[in-house]
Protein backbone atom coordinates (compact mmCIF):
# COMPACT_ATOMS: atom_id res chain seq x y z
CA MET A 1 -34.56 52.47 -69.39
CA ASN A 2 -34.89 49.54 -71.76
CA GLN A 3 -38.76 48.88 -71.06
CA LYS A 4 -39.99 45.69 -73.20
CA THR A 5 -43.63 47.38 -72.59
CA PRO A 6 -45.68 50.26 -72.26
CA TYR A 7 -46.37 50.98 -68.18
CA ASP A 8 -50.00 51.55 -67.56
CA ILE A 9 -51.24 54.88 -66.31
CA SER A 10 -54.82 55.48 -64.78
CA PRO A 11 -56.86 58.63 -65.69
CA GLN A 12 -55.73 59.93 -62.11
CA ASP A 13 -52.63 59.36 -61.95
CA LEU A 14 -52.13 61.37 -65.75
CA ASN A 15 -54.50 64.12 -64.59
CA GLN A 16 -51.78 64.38 -61.72
CA TRP A 17 -49.01 64.37 -63.89
CA ILE A 18 -50.32 66.98 -66.09
CA ILE A 19 -51.37 69.11 -63.20
CA HIS A 20 -47.49 68.63 -61.13
CA ASP A 21 -45.52 68.48 -64.32
CA LEU A 22 -46.68 69.08 -67.81
CA SER A 23 -43.78 70.15 -69.35
CA SER A 24 -41.94 66.57 -68.51
CA LEU A 25 -44.52 64.78 -70.74
CA ILE A 26 -45.00 64.28 -74.59
CA LEU A 27 -48.55 63.15 -74.79
CA VAL A 28 -49.26 61.04 -78.45
CA ASP A 29 -52.96 60.82 -79.33
CA VAL A 30 -52.95 57.73 -82.19
CA ARG A 31 -56.71 57.85 -82.76
CA GLU A 32 -57.95 59.00 -86.25
CA LYS A 33 -58.80 62.41 -87.08
CA GLU A 34 -62.57 61.98 -87.13
CA GLU A 35 -62.20 60.85 -83.52
CA LEU A 36 -60.01 63.66 -82.46
CA ALA A 37 -62.95 65.97 -84.03
CA ILE A 38 -65.43 64.17 -81.84
CA ALA A 39 -63.57 63.76 -78.03
CA PRO A 40 -60.62 65.97 -77.93
CA PHE A 41 -57.43 65.77 -75.38
CA PRO A 42 -58.05 68.56 -73.56
CA GLN A 43 -54.37 69.15 -73.56
CA LYS A 44 -51.55 69.29 -76.62
CA VAL A 45 -51.15 66.46 -78.03
CA LEU A 46 -48.96 64.60 -80.92
CA HIS A 47 -51.29 63.59 -83.47
CA LEU A 48 -49.77 60.11 -84.90
CA PRO A 49 -52.56 58.17 -86.40
CA PHE A 50 -51.89 54.66 -87.66
CA THR A 51 -53.71 55.03 -91.13
CA GLN A 52 -50.93 57.81 -91.48
CA PHE A 53 -47.71 55.97 -90.76
CA LEU A 54 -46.42 56.46 -93.76
CA SER A 55 -46.35 60.35 -93.59
CA TRP A 56 -44.96 60.38 -90.09
CA SER A 57 -43.01 57.09 -89.63
CA LYS A 58 -39.52 58.82 -90.72
CA THR A 59 -39.60 61.94 -88.78
CA PHE A 60 -41.33 60.74 -85.92
CA THR A 61 -37.98 60.75 -83.48
CA GLN A 62 -37.95 64.45 -84.58
CA ASP A 63 -40.78 64.92 -82.08
CA LEU A 64 -40.03 62.29 -79.14
CA PRO A 65 -36.80 63.15 -77.04
CA LEU A 66 -35.79 60.53 -75.36
CA LYS A 67 -35.65 62.84 -72.08
CA LYS A 68 -39.64 63.13 -71.84
CA LYS A 69 -42.20 60.61 -70.38
CA ILE A 70 -44.71 60.21 -73.56
CA VAL A 71 -48.23 59.03 -72.80
CA VAL A 72 -49.81 57.19 -75.50
CA LEU A 73 -53.81 57.72 -75.60
CA CYS A 74 -56.54 55.80 -77.89
CA HIS A 75 -59.96 55.57 -77.57
CA SER A 76 -60.07 52.84 -75.40
CA GLY A 77 -56.06 52.03 -74.70
CA ILE A 78 -55.75 48.88 -77.47
CA ARG A 79 -54.04 50.58 -79.95
CA SER A 80 -52.10 53.00 -77.74
CA TRP A 81 -50.55 50.04 -76.25
CA ASN A 82 -49.53 48.75 -79.22
CA PHE A 83 -47.88 51.93 -80.18
CA GLY A 84 -46.19 52.04 -76.97
CA ALA A 85 -44.77 48.47 -77.72
CA TRP A 86 -43.55 49.55 -81.83
CA LEU A 87 -42.07 52.44 -80.55
CA LEU A 88 -40.24 50.56 -77.41
CA GLU A 89 -39.10 48.36 -80.31
CA GLN A 90 -37.57 51.36 -82.63
CA ASP A 91 -35.89 52.07 -79.09
CA CYS A 92 -35.93 50.73 -75.70
CA ARG A 93 -34.22 54.12 -74.36
CA TYR A 94 -38.17 55.79 -74.30
CA GLN A 95 -39.96 55.97 -71.19
CA VAL A 96 -43.64 54.96 -72.60
CA TRP A 97 -46.98 54.91 -70.55
CA ASN A 98 -50.35 53.66 -72.06
CA LEU A 99 -53.68 55.44 -70.95
CA GLN A 100 -55.63 52.94 -69.51
CA GLY A 101 -58.92 53.18 -71.14
CA GLY A 102 -58.21 55.32 -73.04
CA ILE A 103 -59.64 58.61 -73.63
CA ASP A 104 -63.14 56.78 -72.61
CA ALA A 105 -61.83 56.86 -69.18
CA TRP A 106 -60.59 59.64 -68.87
CA SER A 107 -64.03 61.01 -70.12
CA HIS A 108 -65.68 58.76 -67.17
CA LEU A 109 -63.77 59.76 -64.59
CA ILE A 110 -61.60 63.28 -65.16
CA ASP A 111 -63.34 65.21 -67.37
CA ASP A 112 -66.89 64.64 -68.43
CA SER A 113 -67.07 67.12 -70.98
CA VAL A 114 -64.99 65.32 -73.13
CA PRO A 115 -67.55 63.33 -75.51
CA ARG A 116 -67.67 59.93 -74.91
CA TYR A 117 -68.12 57.71 -78.55
């Protein structure tokens, strides 16, 4: 695919992907454990918080197959974009999307049962 930066995906488009094609996705949440406790994403995520980089940086490729779409999320979309850009630097064959507005936008636009913080 040879992406240079993550593609943006709106909460609405991600919701459609989840409804129609969840098996082709890997959702990666880069928020901290405390943030997940406050506002968990309503689907299964691979949790790779930045502050725990040393604990997952050597093995993360085992959990991220090149054939799946990777959607990265955080609170507002900034940390996730940075993670997505870093991931593409590791291997440009990844297919990476960044959730625009993060979990906050998801809560506001898709699922208001997810607390905002």
